[in-house]
Amino acid sequence: MTNSPLRVYVSSTFGDLAEHRAAGREATMRIGAIAVVMEQFGANSESPLEICRDEVLRSDVVVLVLGHRYGAVLP
């Protein structure tokens, strides 16, 4: 058994939660884990859904960052 670093998939909407995504990525790296984020996926012939599904399945932890984008508009 290898001692590989923990893989943490950080998921959220992009534009409205950029600061929160960055905080999740930084916290993940501070604990010595690998942050799996869409910003690092690059160009690929697979669909975004397939890429995300595959990365989630390869990850040890999934962190969902949820906001108010599709709910009430807060001041």
Protein backbone atom coordinates (compact mmCIF):
# COMPACT_ATOMS: atom_id res chain seq x y z
CA MET A 1 0.00 0.00 0.00
CA THR A 2 1.38 3.39 -1.01
CA ASN A 3 1.19 6.55 1.04
CA SER A 4 -0.22 8.78 -1.72
CA PRO A 5 -1.47 12.24 -0.85
CA LEU A 6 -5.21 12.64 -0.35
CA ARG A 7 -7.03 13.90 -3.48
CA VAL A 8 -9.67 16.55 -2.70
CA TYR A 9 -12.09 17.50 -5.49
CA VAL A 10 -13.33 21.08 -4.97
CA SER A 11 -16.61 21.80 -6.78
CA SER A 12 -18.70 24.96 -7.15
CA THR A 13 -20.00 27.41 -9.68
CA PHE A 14 -17.04 29.37 -10.97
CA GLY A 15 -17.59 33.11 -11.31
CA ASP A 16 -19.55 33.89 -8.18
CA LEU A 17 -17.54 31.66 -5.83
CA ALA A 18 -13.99 32.27 -7.08
CA GLU A 19 -12.73 33.46 -3.68
CA HIS A 20 -14.30 30.49 -1.91
CA ARG A 21 -12.84 28.05 -4.47
CA ALA A 22 -9.40 29.59 -3.93
CA ALA A 23 -9.78 29.24 -0.15
CA GLY A 24 -10.76 25.57 -0.53
CA ARG A 25 -7.81 24.93 -2.86
CA GLU A 26 -5.36 26.68 -0.51
CA ALA A 27 -6.68 24.84 2.57
CA THR A 28 -6.35 21.54 0.72
CA MET A 29 -2.73 22.25 -0.18
CA ARG A 30 -1.93 23.41 3.39
CA ILE A 31 -2.80 19.94 4.71
CA GLY A 32 -0.55 18.34 2.09
CA ALA A 33 -3.39 17.05 -0.09
CA ILE A 34 -3.82 17.42 -3.85
CA ALA A 35 -6.50 19.94 -4.85
CA VAL A 36 -8.45 18.68 -7.86
CA VAL A 37 -10.03 21.77 -9.47
CA MET A 38 -11.48 22.41 -12.92
CA GLU A 39 -9.07 25.29 -13.49
CA GLN A 40 -6.34 22.68 -13.93
CA PHE A 41 -8.17 20.30 -16.30
CA GLY A 42 -7.09 21.97 -19.54
CA ALA A 43 -8.30 21.14 -23.05
CA ASN A 44 -9.69 17.65 -23.53
CA SER A 45 -11.70 15.73 -26.12
CA GLU A 46 -13.99 14.29 -23.42
CA SER A 47 -17.14 16.14 -22.36
CA PRO A 48 -16.93 18.27 -19.19
CA LEU A 49 -19.38 15.88 -17.52
CA GLU A 50 -17.15 12.87 -18.24
CA ILE A 51 -14.04 14.67 -17.04
CA CYS A 52 -15.70 15.81 -13.80
CA ARG A 53 -17.19 12.35 -13.16
CA ASP A 54 -13.82 10.66 -13.70
CA GLU A 55 -12.01 13.13 -11.43
CA VAL A 56 -14.64 12.71 -8.68
CA LEU A 57 -14.25 8.92 -8.87
CA ARG A 58 -10.45 9.24 -8.61
CA SER A 59 -10.69 11.58 -5.59
CA ASP A 60 -10.79 10.60 -1.92
CA VAL A 61 -12.90 13.57 -0.79
CA VAL A 62 -15.40 15.84 -2.56
CA VAL A 63 -15.96 19.37 -1.23
CA LEU A 64 -19.06 21.16 -2.52
CA VAL A 65 -19.02 24.95 -2.17
CA LEU A 66 -22.62 26.13 -2.37
CA GLY A 67 -23.82 29.71 -2.74
CA HIS A 68 -26.83 31.83 -3.57
CA ARG A 69 -26.46 31.99 -7.34
CA TYR A 70 -29.69 30.14 -8.18
CA GLY A 71 -31.72 31.22 -5.15
CA ALA A 72 -32.71 34.51 -3.63
CA VAL A 73 -30.70 37.55 -4.64
CA LEU A 74 -29.10 38.84 -1.45
CA PRO A 75 -28.02 42.49 -0.98
